[in-house]
PDB file of N, CA and C in Angstrom:
ATOM      1  N   MET A   1       0.839  -1.181   0.000  1.00  0.00           N
ATOM      2  CA  MET A   1       0.000   0.000   0.000  1.00  0.00           C
ATOM      3  C   MET A   1       0.886   1.246   0.000  1.00  0.00           C
ATOM      4  N   LYS A   2       0.517   2.221  -0.835  1.00  0.00           N
ATOM      5  CA  LYS A   2       1.284   3.451  -0.968  1.00  0.00           C
ATOM      6  C   LYS A   2       1.029   4.359   0.231  1.00  0.00           C
ATOM      7  N   LYS A   3       2.079   4.991   0.720  1.00  0.00           N
ATOM      8  CA  LYS A   3       1.970   5.895   1.853  1.00  0.00           C
ATOM      9  C   LYS A   3       1.330   7.214   1.433  1.00  0.00           C
ATOM     10  N   GLU A   4       0.408   7.726   2.252  1.00  0.00           N
ATOM     11  CA  GLU A   4      -0.217   9.018   1.990  1.00  0.00           C
ATOM     12  C   GLU A   4       0.633  10.124   2.588  1.00  0.00           C
ATOM     13  N   VAL A   5       0.828  11.209   1.821  1.00  0.00           N
ATOM     14  CA  VAL A   5       1.579  12.372   2.291  1.00  0.00           C
ATOM     15  C   VAL A   5       0.721  13.603   2.080  1.00  0.00           C
ATOM     16  N   ARG A   6       0.544  14.400   3.131  1.00  0.00           N
ATOM     17  CA  ARG A   6      -0.229  15.645   3.060  1.00  0.00           C
ATOM     18  C   ARG A   6       0.659  16.759   3.623  1.00  0.00           C
ATOM     19  N   THR A   7       0.936  17.763   2.790  1.00  0.00           N
ATOM     20  CA  THR A   7       1.792  18.876   3.197  1.00  0.00           C
ATOM     21  C   THR A   7       1.049  20.180   2.962  1.00  0.00           C
ATOM     22  N   VAL A   8       1.073  21.070   3.946  1.00  0.00           N
ATOM     23  CA  VAL A   8       0.433  22.370   3.832  1.00  0.00           C
ATOM     24  C   VAL A   8       1.453  23.443   4.190  1.00  0.00           C
ATOM     25  N   VAL A   9       1.540  24.475   3.344  1.00  0.00           N
ATOM     26  CA  VAL A   9       2.458  25.593   3.588  1.00  0.00           C
ATOM     27  C   VAL A   9       1.701  26.891   3.360  1.00  0.00           C
ATOM     28  N   TYR A  10       1.879  27.863   4.253  1.00  0.00           N
ATOM     29  CA  TYR A  10       1.262  29.179   4.090  1.00  0.00           C
ATOM     30  C   TYR A  10       2.351  30.195   3.793  1.00  0.00           C
ATOM     31  N   ASP A  11       2.133  31.032   2.768  1.00  0.00           N
ATOM     32  CA  ASP A  11       3.080  32.078   2.406  1.00  0.00           C
ATOM     33  C   ASP A  11       2.556  33.409   2.953  1.00  0.00           C
ATOM     34  N   ASP A  12       3.264  33.977   3.936  1.00  0.00           N
ATOM     35  CA  ASP A  12       2.839  35.229   4.569  1.00  0.00           C
ATOM     36  C   ASP A  12       2.845  36.407   3.603  1.00  0.00           C
ATOM     37  N   GLU A  13       3.784  36.434   2.688  1.00  0.00           N
ATOM     38  CA  GLU A  13       3.887  37.551   1.758  1.00  0.00           C
ATOM     39  C   GLU A  13       2.764  37.533   0.718  1.00  0.00           C
ATOM     40  N   LEU A  14       2.492  36.359   0.153  1.00  0.00           N
ATOM     41  CA  LEU A  14       1.463  36.232  -0.878  1.00  0.00           C
ATOM     42  C   LEU A  14       0.068  35.986  -0.308  1.00  0.00           C
ATOM     43  N   HIS A  15      -0.001  35.606   0.964  1.00  0.00           N
ATOM     44  CA  HIS A  15      -1.273  35.292   1.632  1.00  0.00           C
ATOM     45  C   HIS A  15      -2.006  34.153   0.921  1.00  0.00           C
ATOM     46  N   ILE A  16      -1.270  33.094   0.601  1.00  0.00           N
ATOM     47  CA  ILE A  16      -1.878  31.914  -0.022  1.00  0.00           C
ATOM     48  C   ILE A  16      -1.432  30.654   0.709  1.00  0.00           C
ATOM     49  N   GLU A  17      -2.272  29.646   0.617  1.00  0.00           N
ATOM     50  CA  GLU A  17      -1.948  28.328   1.150  1.00  0.00           C
ATOM     51  C   GLU A  17      -1.600  27.419  -0.013  1.00  0.00           C
ATOM     52  N   ALA A  18      -0.629  26.573   0.165  1.00  0.00           N
ATOM     53  CA  ALA A  18      -0.267  25.575  -0.848  1.00  0.00           C
ATOM     54  C   ALA A  18      -0.388  24.201  -0.192  1.00  0.00           C
ATOM     55  N   TYR A  19      -1.091  23.318  -0.875  1.00  0.00           N
ATOM     56  CA  TYR A  19      -1.287  21.950  -0.385  1.00  0.00           C
ATOM     57  C   TYR A  19      -0.632  20.985  -1.355  1.00  0.00           C
ATOM     58  N   ARG A  20       0.002  19.951  -0.820  1.00  0.00           N
ATOM     59  CA  ARG A  20       0.556  18.888  -1.658  1.00  0.00           C
ATOM     60  C   ARG A  20       0.060  17.567  -1.093  1.00  0.00           C
ATOM     61  N   PHE A  21      -0.611  16.799  -1.964  1.00  0.00           N
ATOM     62  CA  PHE A  21      -1.128  15.496  -1.579  1.00  0.00           C
ATOM     63  C   PHE A  21      -0.460  14.445  -2.447  1.00  0.00           C
ATOM     64  N   GLU A  22      -0.040  13.370  -1.835  1.00  0.00           N
ATOM     65  CA  GLU A  22       0.593  12.281  -2.585  1.00  0.00           C
ATOM     66  C   GLU A  22       0.043  10.950  -2.088  1.00  0.00           C
ATOM     67  N   GLY A  23      -0.355  10.105  -3.037  1.00  0.00           N
ATOM     68  CA  GLY A  23      -0.818   8.761  -2.698  1.00  0.00           C
ATOM     69  C   GLY A  23      -2.178   8.714  -2.037  1.00  0.00           C
ATOM     70  N   ILE A  24      -2.993   9.730  -2.214  1.00  0.00           N
ATOM     71  CA  ILE A  24      -4.298   9.770  -1.558  1.00  0.00           C
ATOM     72  C   ILE A  24      -5.383   9.337  -2.534  1.00  0.00           C
ATOM     73  N   VAL A  25      -6.148   8.347  -2.121  1.00  0.00           N
ATOM     74  CA  VAL A  25      -7.286   7.880  -2.900  1.00  0.00           C
ATOM     75  C   VAL A  25      -8.500   8.122  -2.018  1.00  0.00           C
ATOM     76  N   GLN A  26      -9.213   9.215  -2.310  1.00  0.00           N
ATOM     77  CA  GLN A  26     -10.314   9.601  -1.447  1.00  0.00           C
ATOM     78  C   GLN A  26     -11.320  10.414  -2.236  1.00  0.00           C
ATOM     79  N   PRO A  27     -12.576  10.016  -2.243  1.00  0.00           N
ATOM     80  CA  PRO A  27     -13.585  10.853  -2.893  1.00  0.00           C
ATOM     81  C   PRO A  27     -13.880  12.068  -2.009  1.00  0.00           C
ATOM     82  N   PHE A  28     -14.089  13.211  -2.624  1.00  0.00           N
ATOM     83  CA  PHE A  28     -14.457  14.410  -1.881  1.00  0.00           C
ATOM     84  C   PHE A  28     -15.962  14.606  -2.003  1.00  0.00           C
ATOM     85  N   PRO A  29     -16.614  15.065  -0.952  1.00  0.00           N
ATOM     86  CA  PRO A  29     -18.053  15.324  -1.056  1.00  0.00           C
ATOM     87  C   PRO A  29     -18.299  16.510  -1.991  1.00  0.00           C
ATOM     88  N   ASN A  30     -19.526  16.614  -2.518  1.00  0.00           N
ATOM     89  CA  ASN A  30     -19.880  17.769  -3.340  1.00  0.00           C
ATOM     90  C   ASN A  30     -19.644  19.039  -2.533  1.00  0.00           C
ATOM     91  N   HIS A  31     -18.942  19.998  -3.134  1.00  0.00           N
ATOM     92  CA  HIS A  31     -18.649  21.243  -2.452  1.00  0.00           C
ATOM     93  C   HIS A  31     -18.229  22.309  -3.466  1.00  0.00           C
ATOM     94  N   PHE A  32     -18.078  23.513  -3.009  1.00  0.00           N
ATOM     95  CA  PHE A  32     -17.579  24.598  -3.854  1.00  0.00           C
ATOM     96  C   PHE A  32     -16.676  25.475  -2.998  1.00  0.00           C
ATOM     97  N   HIS A  33     -15.927  26.350  -3.674  1.00  0.00           N
ATOM     98  CA  HIS A  33     -15.028  27.259  -2.983  1.00  0.00           C
ATOM     99  C   HIS A  33     -15.446  28.695  -3.307  1.00  0.00           C
ATOM    100  N   GLU A  34     -15.334  29.578  -2.345  1.00  0.00           N
ATOM    101  CA  GLU A  34     -15.639  30.990  -2.561  1.00  0.00           C
ATOM    102  C   GLU A  34     -14.374  31.762  -2.934  1.00  0.00           C
ATOM    103  N   TYR A  35     -13.386  31.050  -3.439  1.00  0.00           N
ATOM    104  CA  TYR A  35     -12.115  31.634  -3.845  1.00  0.00           C
ATOM    105  C   TYR A  35     -11.538  30.761  -4.945  1.00  0.00           C
ATOM    106  N   TYR A  36     -10.555  31.273  -5.634  1.00  0.00           N
ATOM    107  CA  TYR A  36      -9.940  30.506  -6.713  1.00  0.00           C
ATOM    108  C   TYR A  36      -9.120  29.349  -6.162  1.00  0.00           C
ATOM    109  N   VAL A  37      -9.217  28.207  -6.842  1.00  0.00           N
ATOM    110  CA  VAL A  37      -8.439  27.030  -6.493  1.00  0.00           C
ATOM    111  C   VAL A  37      -7.732  26.554  -7.756  1.00  0.00           C
ATOM    112  N   ILE A  38      -6.434  26.390  -7.675  1.00  0.00           N
ATOM    113  CA  ILE A  38      -5.655  25.917  -8.813  1.00  0.00           C
ATOM    114  C   ILE A  38      -5.105  24.543  -8.454  1.00  0.00           C
ATOM    115  N   GLY A  39      -5.360  23.567  -9.325  1.00  0.00           N
ATOM    116  CA  GLY A  39      -4.867  22.219  -9.092  1.00  0.00           C
ATOM    117  C   GLY A  39      -3.834  21.832 -10.131  1.00  0.00           C
ATOM    118  N   PHE A  40      -2.847  21.087  -9.721  1.00  0.00           N
ATOM    119  CA  PHE A  40      -1.811  20.595 -10.624  1.00  0.00           C
ATOM    120  C   PHE A  40      -1.528  19.145 -10.263  1.00  0.00           C
ATOM    121  N   MET A  41      -1.518  18.288 -11.272  1.00  0.00           N
ATOM    122  CA  MET A  41      -1.247  16.872 -11.040  1.00  0.00           C
ATOM    123  C   MET A  41       0.072  16.500 -11.693  1.00  0.00           C
ATOM    124  N   GLU A  42       0.948  15.895 -10.909  1.00  0.00           N
ATOM    125  CA  GLU A  42       2.222  15.427 -11.450  1.00  0.00           C
ATOM    126  C   GLU A  42       2.067  14.088 -12.155  1.00  0.00           C
ATOM    127  N   ASP A  43       1.126  13.267 -11.670  1.00  0.00           N
ATOM    128  CA  ASP A  43       0.958  11.925 -12.214  1.00  0.00           C
ATOM    129  C   ASP A  43      -0.427  11.416 -11.839  1.00  0.00           C
ATOM    130  N   GLY A  44      -0.882  10.385 -12.520  1.00  0.00           N
ATOM    131  CA  GLY A  44      -2.165   9.771 -12.204  1.00  0.00           C
ATOM    132  C   GLY A  44      -3.326  10.495 -12.854  1.00  0.00           C
ATOM    133  N   GLU A  45      -4.514  10.240 -12.328  1.00  0.00           N
ATOM    134  CA  GLU A  45      -5.712  10.878 -12.843  1.00  0.00           C
ATOM    135  C   GLU A  45      -6.745  10.962 -11.746  1.00  0.00           C
ATOM    136  N   ARG A  46      -7.763  11.793 -11.988  1.00  0.00           N
ATOM    137  CA  ARG A  46      -8.886  11.883 -11.066  1.00  0.00           C
ATOM    138  C   ARG A  46     -10.140  12.214 -11.848  1.00  0.00           C
ATOM    139  N   ILE A  47     -11.270  11.928 -11.255  1.00  0.00           N
ATOM    140  CA  ILE A  47     -12.567  12.233 -11.858  1.00  0.00           C
ATOM    141  C   ILE A  47     -13.106  13.482 -11.162  1.00  0.00           C
ATOM    142  N   LEU A  48     -13.524  14.465 -11.952  1.00  0.00           N
ATOM    143  CA  LEU A  48     -14.100  15.701 -11.440  1.00  0.00           C
ATOM    144  C   LEU A  48     -15.525  15.795 -11.950  1.00  0.00           C
ATOM    145  N   SER A  49     -16.441  16.155 -11.084  1.00  0.00           N
ATOM    146  CA  SER A  49     -17.831  16.330 -11.469  1.00  0.00           C
ATOM    147  C   SER A  49     -18.213  17.788 -11.238  1.00  0.00           C
ATOM    148  N   CYS A  50     -18.769  18.427 -12.279  1.00  0.00           N
ATOM    149  CA  CYS A  50     -19.173  19.825 -12.172  1.00  0.00           C
ATOM    150  C   CYS A  50     -20.416  20.040 -13.036  1.00  0.00           C
ATOM    151  N   LYS A  51     -21.473  20.562 -12.432  1.00  0.00           N
ATOM    152  CA  LYS A  51     -22.743  20.823 -13.130  1.00  0.00           C
ATOM    153  C   LYS A  51     -23.234  19.597 -13.893  1.00  0.00           C
ATOM    154  N   ASN A  52     -23.251  18.462 -13.216  1.00  0.00           N
ATOM    155  CA  ASN A  52     -23.729  17.187 -13.756  1.00  0.00           C
ATOM    156  C   ASN A  52     -22.918  16.664 -14.939  1.00  0.00           C
ATOM    157  N   GLN A  53     -21.686  17.125 -15.104  1.00  0.00           N
ATOM    158  CA  GLN A  53     -20.773  16.598 -16.116  1.00  0.00           C
ATOM    159  C   GLN A  53     -19.589  15.978 -15.388  1.00  0.00           C
ATOM    160  N   GLU A  54     -19.103  14.830 -15.885  1.00  0.00           N
ATOM    161  CA  GLU A  54     -17.915  14.205 -15.314  1.00  0.00           C
ATOM    162  C   GLU A  54     -16.724  14.425 -16.222  1.00  0.00           C
ATOM    163  N   TYR A  55     -15.575  14.709 -15.624  1.00  0.00           N
ATOM    164  CA  TYR A  55     -14.340  14.948 -16.349  1.00  0.00           C
ATOM    165  C   TYR A  55     -13.249  14.055 -15.771  1.00  0.00           C
ATOM    166  N   THR A  56     -12.456  13.446 -16.637  1.00  0.00           N
ATOM    167  CA  THR A  56     -11.277  12.721 -16.185  1.00  0.00           C
ATOM    168  C   THR A  56     -10.101  13.663 -16.374  1.00  0.00           C
ATOM    169  N   ILE A  57      -9.394  13.961 -15.305  1.00  0.00           N
ATOM    170  CA  ILE A  57      -8.300  14.925 -15.344  1.00  0.00           C
ATOM    171  C   ILE A  57      -6.973  14.206 -15.171  1.00  0.00           C
ATOM    172  N   THR A  58      -6.030  14.526 -16.049  1.00  0.00           N
ATOM    173  CA  THR A  58      -4.665  13.998 -15.953  1.00  0.00           C
ATOM    174  C   THR A  58      -3.687  15.166 -16.036  1.00  0.00           C
ATOM    175  N   ARG A  59      -2.410  14.892 -15.902  1.00  0.00           N
ATOM    176  CA  ARG A  59      -1.420  15.970 -15.928  1.00  0.00           C
ATOM    177  C   ARG A  59      -1.367  16.689 -17.271  1.00  0.00           C
ATOM    178  N   GLU A  60      -1.787  16.058 -18.351  1.00  0.00           N
ATOM    179  CA  GLU A  60      -1.764  16.688 -19.668  1.00  0.00           C
ATOM    180  C   GLU A  60      -2.764  17.839 -19.793  1.00  0.00           C
ATOM    181  N   HIS A  61      -3.759  17.910 -18.927  1.00  0.00           N
ATOM    182  CA  HIS A  61      -4.793  18.928 -19.033  1.00  0.00           C
ATOM    183  C   HIS A  61      -4.304  20.335 -18.713  1.00  0.00           C
ATOM    184  N   LEU A  62      -3.156  20.467 -18.132  1.00  0.00           N
ATOM    185  CA  LEU A  62      -2.613  21.793 -17.845  1.00  0.00           C
ATOM    186  C   LEU A  62      -2.425  22.584 -19.128  1.00  0.00           C
ATOM    187  N   SER A  63      -2.031  21.917 -20.200  1.00  0.00           N
ATOM    188  CA  SER A  63      -1.750  22.627 -21.447  1.00  0.00           C
ATOM    189  C   SER A  63      -2.904  22.581 -22.449  1.00  0.00           C
ATOM    190  N   ARG A  64      -3.829  21.616 -22.342  1.00  0.00           N
ATOM    191  CA  ARG A  64      -4.847  21.507 -23.384  1.00  0.00           C
ATOM    192  C   ARG A  64      -6.278  21.599 -22.875  1.00  0.00           C
ATOM    193  N   GLY A  65      -6.498  21.802 -21.597  1.00  0.00           N
ATOM    194  CA  GLY A  65      -7.845  21.933 -21.067  1.00  0.00           C
ATOM    195  C   GLY A  65      -8.533  20.593 -20.889  1.00  0.00           C
ATOM    196  N   ILE A  66      -9.773  20.622 -20.408  1.00  0.00           N
ATOM    197  CA  ILE A  66     -10.525  19.388 -20.190  1.00  0.00           C
ATOM    198  C   ILE A  66     -11.841  19.444 -20.941  1.00  0.00           C
ATOM    199  N   SER A  67     -12.383  18.282 -21.257  1.00  0.00           N
ATOM    200  CA  SER A  67     -13.694  18.192 -21.874  1.00  0.00           C
ATOM    201  C   SER A  67     -14.472  17.089 -21.171  1.00  0.00           C
ATOM    202  N   PRO A  68     -15.794  17.102 -21.262  1.00  0.00           N
ATOM    203  CA  PRO A  68     -16.609  16.103 -20.537  1.00  0.00           C
ATOM    204  C   PRO A  68     -16.218  14.668 -20.884  1.00  0.00           C
ATOM    205  N   LYS A  69     -16.345  13.811 -19.876  1.00  0.00           N
ATOM    206  CA  LYS A  69     -16.071  12.377 -20.037  1.00  0.00           C
ATOM    207  C   LYS A  69     -17.128  11.784 -20.943  1.00  0.00           C
ATOM    208  N   ARG A  70     -16.723  10.941 -21.855  1.00  0.00           N
ATOM    209  CA  ARG A  70     -17.667  10.309 -22.792  1.00  0.00           C
ATOM    210  C   ARG A  70     -18.013   8.915 -22.330  1.00  0.00           C
TER     211      ARG A  70
END
């Protein structure tokens, strides 16, 4: 079993939090954020659901965007 790693860092100058998750397999409940959230994946994939559409997200989506899962 892969070890889970969760790292959180706060930058006082920029006033932002940075989170790094590794090896975590966990569904998140339906939710939204009242602020911008930027995600970056180094490897693997995840399923994202937004407005009744499902998206499979991989690291390649940083440069080409995402489209609904078929």
